[in-house]
Amino acid sequence: MGKIVAAHGIKGEVKIKSFTSNPKDVCAYGRLSNKDETRYFDLTFKGFAKELLRVKINGVDTRNDAESILGTELYILRDKLPALEPDTFYLADLEGLKVLDDKTGDEIGHIVGIYNFGAGDILEIKFDGQTEPQMLPFNNTYVPTVDIKNGFVKVAQKELNYQKDEVDNA
């Protein structure tokens, strides 16, 4: 849903980078949790600080409290999210999907992460035979097919710098 990226002021407010289509919606879903659900957060929207939300979290009352939770990613239980339209999905649904070559249909890897550093969504793909994952823009040029139901995406092989790593057994 979002990530706590900075403290704001001395009364425990924080700045949150929202991952929702309407940034204020991060406060509209009720109680959020950290990734492993060991801590819960009740948010109250206070305003904007440039492109970030200013939020008050119940129980976070000082700047030190706010600084202690910097970097926390905020999550919500799946059943609290709105129902999806046909042929739509949440980005989190992509993680773990098989990656197929769009020309041959051969399985060539799997998605290990989804990121957005500000310029658009990026897929982190671990290609078979490679030691390091590769980042790939998540758009129709690079990823022409997404099939959540059948568990795969197709990537345009011509757009990739994909080669199997050569292992020297000498």
N, C-alpha and C. Protein backbone atom coordinates (compact mmCIF):
# COMPACT_ATOMS: atom_id res chain seq x y z
N MET A 1 0.83 -1.20 0.00
CA MET A 1 0.00 0.00 0.00
C MET A 1 0.86 1.25 0.00
N GLY A 2 1.99 1.22 0.72
CA GLY A 2 2.85 2.37 0.82
C GLY A 2 4.08 2.06 1.64
N LYS A 3 4.92 3.09 1.79
CA LYS A 3 6.15 2.93 2.56
C LYS A 3 6.41 4.21 3.34
N ILE A 4 6.76 4.07 4.61
CA ILE A 4 7.10 5.22 5.45
C ILE A 4 8.52 5.64 5.08
N VAL A 5 8.66 6.88 4.58
CA VAL A 5 9.96 7.29 4.04
C VAL A 5 10.63 8.41 4.82
N ALA A 6 9.89 9.14 5.69
CA ALA A 6 10.51 10.23 6.43
C ALA A 6 9.65 10.62 7.62
N ALA A 7 10.30 11.19 8.62
CA ALA A 7 9.58 11.80 9.74
C ALA A 7 9.23 13.22 9.33
N HIS A 8 8.15 13.76 9.91
CA HIS A 8 7.72 15.13 9.61
C HIS A 8 7.41 15.84 10.92
N GLY A 9 8.19 16.83 11.24
CA GLY A 9 7.94 17.60 12.46
C GLY A 9 8.32 16.85 13.72
N ILE A 10 7.80 17.35 14.86
CA ILE A 10 8.19 16.78 16.15
C ILE A 10 7.07 16.01 16.85
N LYS A 11 5.89 15.95 16.23
CA LYS A 11 4.74 15.32 16.88
C LYS A 11 4.42 13.93 16.35
N GLY A 12 5.40 13.31 15.68
CA GLY A 12 5.22 11.92 15.27
C GLY A 12 4.62 11.71 13.89
N GLU A 13 4.38 12.79 13.14
CA GLU A 13 3.87 12.58 11.79
C GLU A 13 4.96 11.98 10.91
N VAL A 14 4.53 11.25 9.88
CA VAL A 14 5.45 10.65 8.93
C VAL A 14 5.04 11.00 7.51
N LYS A 15 5.99 10.86 6.60
CA LYS A 15 5.70 11.00 5.17
C LYS A 15 5.67 9.60 4.59
N ILE A 16 4.65 9.36 3.78
CA ILE A 16 4.45 8.04 3.18
C ILE A 16 4.42 8.17 1.67
N LYS A 17 5.17 7.28 1.01
CA LYS A 17 5.05 7.12 -0.44
C LYS A 17 3.94 6.11 -0.65
N SER A 18 2.86 6.56 -1.26
CA SER A 18 1.70 5.71 -1.48
C SER A 18 1.85 4.96 -2.80
N PHE A 19 1.46 3.69 -2.81
CA PHE A 19 1.48 2.88 -4.02
C PHE A 19 0.07 2.66 -4.57
N THR A 20 -0.90 3.42 -4.06
CA THR A 20 -2.27 3.31 -4.55
C THR A 20 -2.48 4.29 -5.69
N SER A 21 -3.44 4.03 -6.56
CA SER A 21 -3.66 4.92 -7.71
C SER A 21 -4.04 6.32 -7.27
N ASN A 22 -4.84 6.45 -6.22
CA ASN A 22 -5.10 7.74 -5.59
C ASN A 22 -4.30 7.73 -4.30
N PRO A 23 -3.25 8.54 -4.18
CA PRO A 23 -2.35 8.46 -3.02
C PRO A 23 -3.05 8.49 -1.66
N LYS A 24 -4.12 9.26 -1.51
CA LYS A 24 -4.82 9.35 -0.22
C LYS A 24 -5.50 8.04 0.16
N ASP A 25 -5.73 7.16 -0.80
CA ASP A 25 -6.41 5.89 -0.51
C ASP A 25 -5.64 5.01 0.47
N VAL A 26 -4.35 5.22 0.62
CA VAL A 26 -3.59 4.43 1.58
C VAL A 26 -4.18 4.58 2.98
N CYS A 27 -4.83 5.70 3.24
CA CYS A 27 -5.46 5.94 4.55
C CYS A 27 -6.91 5.47 4.60
N ALA A 28 -7.46 5.04 3.48
CA ALA A 28 -8.89 4.73 3.41
C ALA A 28 -9.22 3.27 3.70
N TYR A 29 -8.23 2.41 3.80
CA TYR A 29 -8.48 0.98 3.95
C TYR A 29 -8.52 0.52 5.39
N GLY A 30 -8.33 1.43 6.32
CA GLY A 30 -8.33 1.04 7.72
C GLY A 30 -6.95 0.61 8.17
N ARG A 31 -6.91 -0.28 9.12
CA ARG A 31 -5.66 -0.70 9.74
C ARG A 31 -4.75 -1.40 8.73
N LEU A 32 -3.49 -0.98 8.71
CA LEU A 32 -2.47 -1.59 7.86
C LEU A 32 -1.46 -2.30 8.76
N SER A 33 -0.64 -3.14 8.16
CA SER A 33 0.38 -3.85 8.93
C SER A 33 1.72 -3.75 8.24
N ASN A 34 2.77 -4.16 8.97
CA ASN A 34 4.05 -4.34 8.31
C ASN A 34 4.01 -5.68 7.58
N LYS A 35 5.08 -6.01 6.87
CA LYS A 35 5.06 -7.19 5.99
C LYS A 35 4.76 -8.49 6.74
N ASP A 36 5.37 -8.67 7.91
CA ASP A 36 5.17 -9.93 8.62
C ASP A 36 4.03 -9.88 9.64
N GLU A 37 3.23 -8.82 9.57
CA GLU A 37 2.05 -8.63 10.42
C GLU A 37 2.36 -8.70 11.91
N THR A 38 3.53 -8.17 12.30
CA THR A 38 3.87 -8.12 13.72
C THR A 38 3.55 -6.75 14.31
N ARG A 39 3.24 -5.79 13.45
CA ARG A 39 2.90 -4.45 13.92
C ARG A 39 1.78 -3.89 13.05
N TYR A 40 0.85 -3.16 13.67
CA TYR A 40 -0.30 -2.61 12.95
C TYR A 40 -0.32 -1.09 13.08
N PHE A 41 -0.90 -0.43 12.07
CA PHE A 41 -0.88 1.02 11.99
C PHE A 41 -2.25 1.55 11.60
N ASP A 42 -2.76 2.50 12.40
CA ASP A 42 -3.99 3.21 12.08
C ASP A 42 -3.57 4.61 11.64
N LEU A 43 -3.88 4.96 10.38
CA LEU A 43 -3.41 6.19 9.76
C LEU A 43 -4.49 7.25 9.69
N THR A 44 -4.08 8.51 9.88
CA THR A 44 -4.96 9.66 9.67
C THR A 44 -4.26 10.61 8.71
N PHE A 45 -4.89 10.89 7.59
CA PHE A 45 -4.32 11.79 6.58
C PHE A 45 -4.27 13.20 7.14
N LYS A 46 -3.10 13.86 6.99
CA LYS A 46 -2.93 15.23 7.47
C LYS A 46 -2.68 16.22 6.34
N GLY A 47 -2.19 15.76 5.21
CA GLY A 47 -1.91 16.67 4.09
C GLY A 47 -0.86 16.07 3.18
N PHE A 48 -0.32 16.92 2.32
CA PHE A 48 0.72 16.49 1.39
C PHE A 48 2.00 17.24 1.68
N ALA A 49 3.11 16.61 1.41
CA ALA A 49 4.43 17.23 1.44
C ALA A 49 5.06 16.88 0.10
N LYS A 50 4.90 17.78 -0.86
CA LYS A 50 5.25 17.52 -2.26
C LYS A 50 4.43 16.33 -2.75
N GLU A 51 5.06 15.27 -3.25
CA GLU A 51 4.30 14.12 -3.77
C GLU A 51 4.04 13.06 -2.70
N LEU A 52 4.45 13.32 -1.47
CA LEU A 52 4.27 12.37 -0.38
C LEU A 52 3.08 12.75 0.51
N LEU A 53 2.51 11.76 1.18
CA LEU A 53 1.43 12.01 2.13
C LEU A 53 2.03 12.34 3.50
N ARG A 54 1.41 13.28 4.19
CA ARG A 54 1.72 13.51 5.60
C ARG A 54 0.65 12.80 6.40
N VAL A 55 1.07 11.92 7.30
CA VAL A 55 0.14 11.05 8.00
C VAL A 55 0.49 11.01 9.49
N LYS A 56 -0.54 10.95 10.30
CA LYS A 56 -0.39 10.71 11.74
C LYS A 56 -0.77 9.26 11.98
N ILE A 57 0.08 8.54 12.70
CA ILE A 57 -0.17 7.14 13.04
C ILE A 57 -0.45 7.07 14.53
N ASN A 58 -1.57 6.45 14.89
CA ASN A 58 -1.92 6.30 16.31
C ASN A 58 -0.78 5.62 17.06
N GLY A 59 -0.38 6.21 18.18
CA GLY A 59 0.68 5.65 19.00
C GLY A 59 2.08 6.12 18.63
N VAL A 60 2.21 6.83 17.53
CA VAL A 60 3.50 7.40 17.13
C VAL A 60 3.39 8.90 17.43
N ASP A 61 3.97 9.31 18.58
CA ASP A 61 3.71 10.65 19.10
C ASP A 61 4.91 11.58 19.13
N THR A 62 6.10 11.07 18.83
CA THR A 62 7.29 11.91 18.84
C THR A 62 8.08 11.68 17.55
N ARG A 63 9.00 12.58 17.30
CA ARG A 63 9.87 12.41 16.14
C ARG A 63 10.68 11.12 16.27
N ASN A 64 11.14 10.81 17.48
CA ASN A 64 11.90 9.57 17.69
C ASN A 64 11.05 8.35 17.36
N ASP A 65 9.76 8.37 17.77
CA ASP A 65 8.85 7.27 17.42
C ASP A 65 8.76 7.14 15.89
N ALA A 66 8.60 8.29 15.23
CA ALA A 66 8.46 8.30 13.77
C ALA A 66 9.73 7.77 13.11
N GLU A 67 10.88 8.20 13.59
CA GLU A 67 12.14 7.76 12.99
C GLU A 67 12.38 6.26 13.19
N SER A 68 11.81 5.70 14.26
CA SER A 68 12.01 4.28 14.53
C SER A 68 11.27 3.38 13.53
N ILE A 69 10.33 3.91 12.79
CA ILE A 69 9.58 3.09 11.83
C ILE A 69 9.88 3.46 10.37
N LEU A 70 10.89 4.31 10.15
CA LEU A 70 11.25 4.67 8.78
C LEU A 70 11.61 3.41 7.99
N GLY A 71 11.18 3.38 6.75
CA GLY A 71 11.46 2.24 5.88
C GLY A 71 10.41 1.14 5.97
N THR A 72 9.47 1.26 6.91
CA THR A 72 8.44 0.24 7.05
C THR A 72 7.51 0.26 5.84
N GLU A 73 7.32 -0.90 5.24
CA GLU A 73 6.36 -1.03 4.15
C GLU A 73 5.01 -1.38 4.76
N LEU A 74 3.97 -0.77 4.22
CA LEU A 74 2.62 -0.93 4.76
C LEU A 74 1.80 -1.85 3.87
N TYR A 75 1.13 -2.82 4.49
CA TYR A 75 0.37 -3.84 3.78
C TYR A 75 -1.06 -3.89 4.30
N ILE A 76 -1.92 -4.50 3.48
CA ILE A 76 -3.30 -4.74 3.88
C ILE A 76 -3.65 -6.17 3.50
N LEU A 77 -4.54 -6.77 4.25
CA LEU A 77 -4.98 -8.12 3.90
C LEU A 77 -5.70 -8.09 2.55
N ARG A 78 -5.48 -9.09 1.75
CA ARG A 78 -6.03 -9.15 0.40
C ARG A 78 -7.56 -9.01 0.39
N ASP A 79 -8.24 -9.59 1.37
CA ASP A 79 -9.71 -9.55 1.37
C ASP A 79 -10.27 -8.16 1.67
N LYS A 80 -9.42 -7.23 2.06
CA LYS A 80 -9.86 -5.85 2.30
C LYS A 80 -9.78 -4.99 1.03
N LEU A 81 -9.15 -5.51 -0.01
CA LEU A 81 -9.01 -4.77 -1.27
C LEU A 81 -10.28 -4.88 -2.10
N PRO A 82 -10.53 -3.87 -2.94
CA PRO A 82 -11.73 -3.93 -3.78
C PRO A 82 -11.65 -5.07 -4.80
N ALA A 83 -12.81 -5.56 -5.20
CA ALA A 83 -12.87 -6.59 -6.24
C ALA A 83 -12.31 -6.01 -7.54
N LEU A 84 -11.67 -6.86 -8.31
CA LEU A 84 -11.06 -6.42 -9.56
C LEU A 84 -12.00 -6.62 -10.74
N GLU A 85 -11.84 -5.74 -11.72
CA GLU A 85 -12.53 -5.90 -12.99
C GLU A 85 -11.91 -7.07 -13.74
N PRO A 86 -12.64 -7.66 -14.69
CA PRO A 86 -12.03 -8.74 -15.49
C PRO A 86 -10.76 -8.25 -16.19
N ASP A 87 -9.79 -9.14 -16.32
CA ASP A 87 -8.52 -8.86 -16.98
C ASP A 87 -7.70 -7.77 -16.29
N THR A 88 -7.91 -7.59 -14.99
CA THR A 88 -7.05 -6.69 -14.23
C THR A 88 -6.44 -7.48 -13.07
N PHE A 89 -5.40 -6.91 -12.47
CA PHE A 89 -4.70 -7.62 -11.41
C PHE A 89 -3.96 -6.60 -10.55
N TYR A 90 -3.55 -7.04 -9.39
CA TYR A 90 -2.68 -6.24 -8.54
C TYR A 90 -1.23 -6.59 -8.89
N LEU A 91 -0.35 -5.61 -8.80
CA LEU A 91 1.06 -5.87 -9.12
C LEU A 91 1.63 -7.01 -8.29
N ALA A 92 1.20 -7.12 -7.05
CA ALA A 92 1.70 -8.20 -6.18
C ALA A 92 1.39 -9.58 -6.78
N ASP A 93 0.38 -9.67 -7.64
CA ASP A 93 0.02 -10.94 -8.27
C ASP A 93 1.10 -11.43 -9.24
N LEU A 94 1.99 -10.53 -9.67
CA LEU A 94 3.00 -10.90 -10.65
C LEU A 94 4.16 -11.69 -10.04
N GLU A 95 4.45 -11.43 -8.76
CA GLU A 95 5.60 -12.06 -8.14
C GLU A 95 5.44 -13.58 -8.15
N GLY A 96 6.49 -14.25 -8.63
CA GLY A 96 6.50 -15.71 -8.70
C GLY A 96 6.01 -16.27 -10.03
N LEU A 97 5.42 -15.43 -10.89
CA LEU A 97 4.93 -15.95 -12.18
C LEU A 97 6.09 -16.41 -13.07
N LYS A 98 5.80 -17.42 -13.89
CA LYS A 98 6.75 -17.88 -14.89
C LYS A 98 6.92 -16.79 -15.95
N VAL A 99 8.11 -16.72 -16.52
CA VAL A 99 8.39 -15.82 -17.63
C VAL A 99 8.62 -16.67 -18.87
N LEU A 100 7.82 -16.39 -19.92
CA LEU A 100 7.92 -17.14 -21.17
C LEU A 100 8.44 -16.22 -22.27
N ASP A 101 9.17 -16.80 -23.21
CA ASP A 101 9.59 -16.09 -24.42
C ASP A 101 8.35 -15.86 -25.27
N ASP A 102 8.11 -14.64 -25.71
CA ASP A 102 6.88 -14.34 -26.45
C ASP A 102 6.85 -14.98 -27.84
N LYS A 103 7.99 -15.36 -28.39
CA LYS A 103 8.02 -15.98 -29.72
C LYS A 103 7.89 -17.50 -29.64
N THR A 104 8.62 -18.12 -28.72
CA THR A 104 8.66 -19.58 -28.66
C THR A 104 7.72 -20.17 -27.62
N GLY A 105 7.37 -19.38 -26.62
CA GLY A 105 6.56 -19.89 -25.52
C GLY A 105 7.36 -20.67 -24.50
N ASP A 106 8.68 -20.76 -24.70
CA ASP A 106 9.54 -21.48 -23.76
C ASP A 106 9.63 -20.72 -22.45
N GLU A 107 9.66 -21.49 -21.35
CA GLU A 107 9.87 -20.86 -20.04
C GLU A 107 11.34 -20.47 -19.92
N ILE A 108 11.59 -19.19 -19.59
CA ILE A 108 12.97 -18.70 -19.51
C ILE A 108 13.32 -18.10 -18.15
N GLY A 109 12.37 -18.11 -17.21
CA GLY A 109 12.67 -17.58 -15.88
C GLY A 109 11.41 -17.36 -15.07
N HIS A 110 11.53 -16.54 -14.01
CA HIS A 110 10.38 -16.20 -13.18
C HIS A 110 10.58 -14.83 -12.56
N ILE A 111 9.48 -14.20 -12.18
CA ILE A 111 9.51 -12.86 -11.59
C ILE A 111 9.81 -12.99 -10.10
N VAL A 112 10.82 -12.25 -9.64
CA VAL A 112 11.20 -12.32 -8.23
C VAL A 112 10.87 -11.04 -7.48
N GLY A 113 10.50 -9.97 -8.20
CA GLY A 113 10.15 -8.73 -7.51
C GLY A 113 9.52 -7.73 -8.45
N ILE A 114 8.81 -6.77 -7.88
CA ILE A 114 8.19 -5.67 -8.63
C ILE A 114 8.54 -4.39 -7.89
N TYR A 115 9.04 -3.39 -8.62
CA TYR A 115 9.47 -2.15 -8.00
C TYR A 115 8.95 -0.95 -8.79
N ASN A 116 8.96 0.17 -8.12
CA ASN A 116 8.70 1.44 -8.80
C ASN A 116 9.57 2.47 -8.13
N PHE A 117 10.58 2.94 -8.86
CA PHE A 117 11.52 3.92 -8.34
C PHE A 117 11.14 5.33 -8.76
N GLY A 118 9.94 5.50 -9.33
CA GLY A 118 9.45 6.81 -9.69
C GLY A 118 9.20 7.00 -11.17
N ALA A 119 9.79 6.18 -12.02
CA ALA A 119 9.63 6.36 -13.46
C ALA A 119 8.77 5.28 -14.08
N GLY A 120 8.12 4.47 -13.28
CA GLY A 120 7.27 3.40 -13.80
C GLY A 120 7.60 2.09 -13.12
N ASP A 121 6.74 1.12 -13.33
CA ASP A 121 6.92 -0.18 -12.70
C ASP A 121 8.02 -0.97 -13.39
N ILE A 122 8.78 -1.70 -12.57
CA ILE A 122 9.92 -2.49 -13.04
C ILE A 122 9.75 -3.91 -12.51
N LEU A 123 9.96 -4.89 -13.38
CA LEU A 123 9.96 -6.28 -12.96
C LEU A 123 11.40 -6.73 -12.75
N GLU A 124 11.63 -7.47 -11.67
CA GLU A 124 12.92 -8.11 -11.45
C GLU A 124 12.73 -9.58 -11.82
N ILE A 125 13.49 -10.01 -12.83
CA ILE A 125 13.32 -11.36 -13.38
C ILE A 125 14.60 -12.15 -13.20
N LYS A 126 14.45 -13.35 -12.68
CA LYS A 126 15.57 -14.28 -12.59
C LYS A 126 15.45 -15.20 -13.79
N PHE A 127 16.33 -14.99 -14.77
CA PHE A 127 16.32 -15.80 -15.98
C PHE A 127 17.08 -17.10 -15.74
N ASP A 128 16.56 -18.18 -16.30
CA ASP A 128 17.22 -19.47 -16.20
C ASP A 128 18.63 -19.36 -16.76
N GLY A 129 19.60 -19.93 -16.05
CA GLY A 129 20.97 -19.93 -16.53
C GLY A 129 21.74 -18.66 -16.22
N GLN A 130 21.11 -17.69 -15.58
CA GLN A 130 21.81 -16.47 -15.20
C GLN A 130 21.96 -16.44 -13.69
N THR A 131 23.07 -15.89 -13.23
CA THR A 131 23.29 -15.82 -11.79
C THR A 131 22.62 -14.59 -11.19
N GLU A 132 22.55 -13.49 -11.92
CA GLU A 132 21.97 -12.25 -11.41
C GLU A 132 20.62 -11.98 -12.08
N PRO A 133 19.63 -11.54 -11.30
CA PRO A 133 18.35 -11.15 -11.91
C PRO A 133 18.52 -9.91 -12.78
N GLN A 134 17.58 -9.69 -13.65
CA GLN A 134 17.60 -8.55 -14.57
C GLN A 134 16.34 -7.71 -14.35
N MET A 135 16.50 -6.40 -14.41
CA MET A 135 15.37 -5.49 -14.28
C MET A 135 14.82 -5.21 -15.68
N LEU A 136 13.49 -5.18 -15.76
CA LEU A 136 12.82 -4.99 -17.04
C LEU A 136 11.63 -4.07 -16.87
N PRO A 137 11.52 -3.02 -17.68
CA PRO A 137 10.34 -2.15 -17.57
C PRO A 137 9.07 -2.96 -17.77
N PHE A 138 8.07 -2.67 -16.94
CA PHE A 138 6.80 -3.37 -17.06
C PHE A 138 5.88 -2.52 -17.92
N ASN A 139 5.98 -2.75 -19.24
CA ASN A 139 5.11 -2.08 -20.20
C ASN A 139 4.86 -3.03 -21.36
N ASN A 140 3.98 -2.61 -22.28
CA ASN A 140 3.59 -3.50 -23.38
C ASN A 140 4.72 -3.82 -24.34
N THR A 141 5.72 -2.98 -24.45
CA THR A 141 6.85 -3.26 -25.33
C THR A 141 7.64 -4.46 -24.82
N TYR A 142 7.92 -4.49 -23.54
CA TYR A 142 8.74 -5.54 -22.95
C TYR A 142 7.92 -6.74 -22.47
N VAL A 143 6.71 -6.47 -22.01
CA VAL A 143 5.85 -7.53 -21.46
C VAL A 143 4.49 -7.46 -22.17
N PRO A 144 4.41 -8.04 -23.37
CA PRO A 144 3.17 -7.91 -24.14
C PRO A 144 2.00 -8.74 -23.62
N THR A 145 2.28 -9.77 -22.80
CA THR A 145 1.22 -10.65 -22.32
C THR A 145 1.37 -10.90 -20.83
N VAL A 146 0.25 -10.72 -20.11
CA VAL A 146 0.17 -11.09 -18.69
C VAL A 146 -1.03 -12.01 -18.55
N ASP A 147 -0.80 -13.21 -18.05
CA ASP A 147 -1.87 -14.19 -17.86
C ASP A 147 -1.80 -14.69 -16.41
N ILE A 148 -2.45 -13.96 -15.53
CA ILE A 148 -2.44 -14.30 -14.11
C ILE A 148 -3.09 -15.67 -13.88
N LYS A 149 -4.21 -15.92 -14.55
CA LYS A 149 -4.96 -17.16 -14.36
C LYS A 149 -4.09 -18.39 -14.62
N ASN A 150 -3.27 -18.33 -15.67
CA ASN A 150 -2.43 -19.47 -16.02
C ASN A 150 -1.00 -19.34 -15.49
N GLY A 151 -0.70 -18.26 -14.78
CA GLY A 151 0.55 -18.15 -14.06
C GLY A 151 1.78 -17.79 -14.86
N PHE A 152 1.63 -16.92 -15.88
CA PHE A 152 2.82 -16.53 -16.65
C PHE A 152 2.69 -15.13 -17.24
N VAL A 153 3.85 -14.58 -17.59
CA VAL A 153 3.93 -13.40 -18.45
C VAL A 153 4.81 -13.79 -19.62
N LYS A 154 4.59 -13.12 -20.74
CA LYS A 154 5.48 -13.30 -21.89
C LYS A 154 6.29 -12.03 -22.04
N VAL A 155 7.60 -12.20 -22.30
CA VAL A 155 8.47 -11.05 -22.53
C VAL A 155 9.01 -11.09 -23.94
N ALA A 156 9.21 -9.91 -24.49
CA ALA A 156 9.72 -9.78 -25.85
C ALA A 156 11.22 -10.01 -25.83
N GLN A 157 11.62 -11.16 -26.30
CA GLN A 157 13.02 -11.56 -26.27
C GLN A 157 13.91 -10.56 -27.01
N LYS A 158 13.41 -9.93 -28.06
CA LYS A 158 14.23 -8.98 -28.82
C LYS A 158 14.59 -7.74 -28.00
N GLU A 159 13.83 -7.49 -26.94
CA GLU A 159 14.07 -6.32 -26.10
C GLU A 159 15.06 -6.61 -24.97
N LEU A 160 15.45 -7.86 -24.80
CA LEU A 160 16.28 -8.24 -23.66
C LEU A 160 17.74 -8.37 -24.02
N ASN A 161 18.54 -8.17 -23.01
CA ASN A 161 19.95 -8.50 -23.09
C ASN A 161 20.10 -9.81 -22.33
N TYR A 162 19.54 -10.86 -22.90
CA TYR A 162 19.46 -12.15 -22.21
C TYR A 162 20.40 -13.16 -22.83
N GLN A 163 21.32 -13.64 -22.03
CA GLN A 163 22.18 -14.74 -22.43
C GLN A 163 22.41 -15.58 -21.19
N LYS A 164 22.53 -16.87 -21.39
CA LYS A 164 22.85 -17.72 -20.26
C LYS A 164 24.30 -17.45 -19.89
N ASP A 165 24.56 -17.39 -18.55
CA ASP A 165 25.93 -17.23 -18.10
C ASP A 165 26.75 -18.44 -18.50
N GLU A 166 27.96 -18.19 -18.96
CA GLU A 166 28.86 -19.29 -19.30
C GLU A 166 29.59 -19.69 -18.02
N VAL A 167 29.57 -20.96 -17.72
CA VAL A 167 30.27 -21.45 -16.54
C VAL A 167 31.55 -22.13 -17.00
N ASP A 168 32.67 -21.68 -16.47
CA ASP A 168 33.97 -22.25 -16.83
C ASP A 168 34.26 -23.41 -15.88
N ASN A 169 34.23 -24.61 -16.41
CA ASN A 169 34.48 -25.80 -15.60
C ASN A 169 35.94 -26.23 -15.64
N ALA A 170 36.80 -25.40 -16.17
CA ALA A 170 38.21 -25.78 -16.31
C ALA A 170 38.95 -25.67 -15.00
